[in-house]
Amino acid sequence: MHDIIKNKILEKLDDSEIKIEGSDSKYTVYVNSQEFEGKSIIDQHKIIYAILDEYIQSGEIHALTLKTAPKK
């Protein structure tokens, strides 16, 4: 699932630096992207939730903790 999460995010935010921790449908995802520049944390998280929505809806991702920031 780590590779799926990473690849889905990179499809939409190709400049991202991504780190994923967790297993058994519970993940913490760290994403730094220039796309987040000027956006609130809530808006940054909405972007990631939208990208991963199909996996959240299916239950493949049950718990998702996001740590996002603009890429430096």
Protein backbone atom coordinates (compact mmCIF):
# COMPACT_ATOMS: atom_id res chain seq x y z
CA MET A 1 0.00 0.00 0.00
CA HIS A 2 2.95 2.34 0.62
CA ASP A 3 3.83 2.31 -3.10
CA ILE A 4 0.20 2.87 -4.12
CA ILE A 5 -0.13 5.88 -1.80
CA LYS A 6 3.16 7.35 -2.99
CA ASN A 7 2.39 6.83 -6.67
CA LYS A 8 -1.14 8.30 -6.41
CA ILE A 9 0.22 11.44 -4.75
CA LEU A 10 3.04 11.76 -7.28
CA GLU A 11 0.52 11.52 -10.16
CA LYS A 12 -1.07 14.79 -8.98
CA LEU A 13 1.84 16.45 -7.15
CA ASP A 14 4.88 15.35 -9.11
CA ASP A 15 7.32 17.59 -7.22
CA SER A 16 6.45 16.03 -3.84
CA GLU A 17 8.74 14.65 -1.22
CA ILE A 18 6.82 11.81 0.43
CA LYS A 19 7.42 9.60 3.46
CA ILE A 20 4.92 6.95 4.57
CA GLU A 21 4.75 5.08 7.85
CA GLY A 22 2.29 2.48 9.08
CA SER A 23 0.52 -0.69 8.01
CA ASP A 24 -2.76 -2.59 8.40
CA SER A 25 -4.78 0.28 6.87
CA LYS A 26 -3.39 2.85 9.35
CA TYR A 27 -0.91 5.27 7.82
CA THR A 28 0.94 8.49 8.53
CA VAL A 29 1.85 10.32 5.34
CA TYR A 30 4.34 13.18 5.20
CA VAL A 31 4.12 15.32 2.05
CA ASN A 32 6.12 18.39 1.12
CA SER A 33 5.05 20.00 -2.15
CA GLN A 34 5.36 23.38 -3.83
CA GLU A 35 1.63 23.01 -4.57
CA PHE A 36 1.00 23.74 -0.88
CA GLU A 37 2.62 27.18 -1.01
CA GLY A 38 0.17 29.78 0.28
CA LYS A 39 -2.45 27.17 1.25
CA SER A 40 -3.72 26.51 4.77
CA ILE A 41 -3.05 23.16 6.44
CA ILE A 42 -6.73 22.31 5.95
CA ASP A 43 -6.52 22.98 2.22
CA GLN A 44 -3.29 20.98 1.98
CA HIS A 45 -4.99 18.03 3.68
CA LYS A 46 -8.06 18.33 1.43
CA ILE A 47 -5.78 17.89 -1.59
CA ILE A 48 -4.31 14.67 -0.19
CA TYR A 49 -7.69 13.33 0.96
CA ALA A 50 -9.09 13.91 -2.54
CA ILE A 51 -6.15 12.05 -4.11
CA LEU A 52 -6.56 9.06 -1.76
CA ASP A 53 -10.37 9.10 -1.53
CA GLU A 54 -10.96 5.82 -3.38
CA TYR A 55 -8.75 3.96 -0.88
CA ILE A 56 -10.37 5.66 2.10
CA GLN A 57 -13.85 4.82 0.78
CA SER A 58 -12.89 1.18 0.15
CA GLY A 59 -11.42 0.79 3.64
CA GLU A 60 -7.92 0.04 2.35
CA ILE A 61 -6.96 3.17 4.28
CA HIS A 62 -8.87 3.23 7.55
CA ALA A 63 -6.88 5.80 9.54
CA LEU A 64 -4.84 8.51 7.85
CA THR A 65 -2.66 11.04 9.62
CA LEU A 66 -1.27 13.78 7.39
CA LYS A 67 1.76 15.96 7.93
CA THR A 68 1.98 18.43 5.08
CA ALA A 69 4.04 21.52 4.30
CA PRO A 70 5.23 23.56 1.34
CA LYS A 71 8.44 22.22 -0.19
CA LYS A 72 11.45 24.33 0.71
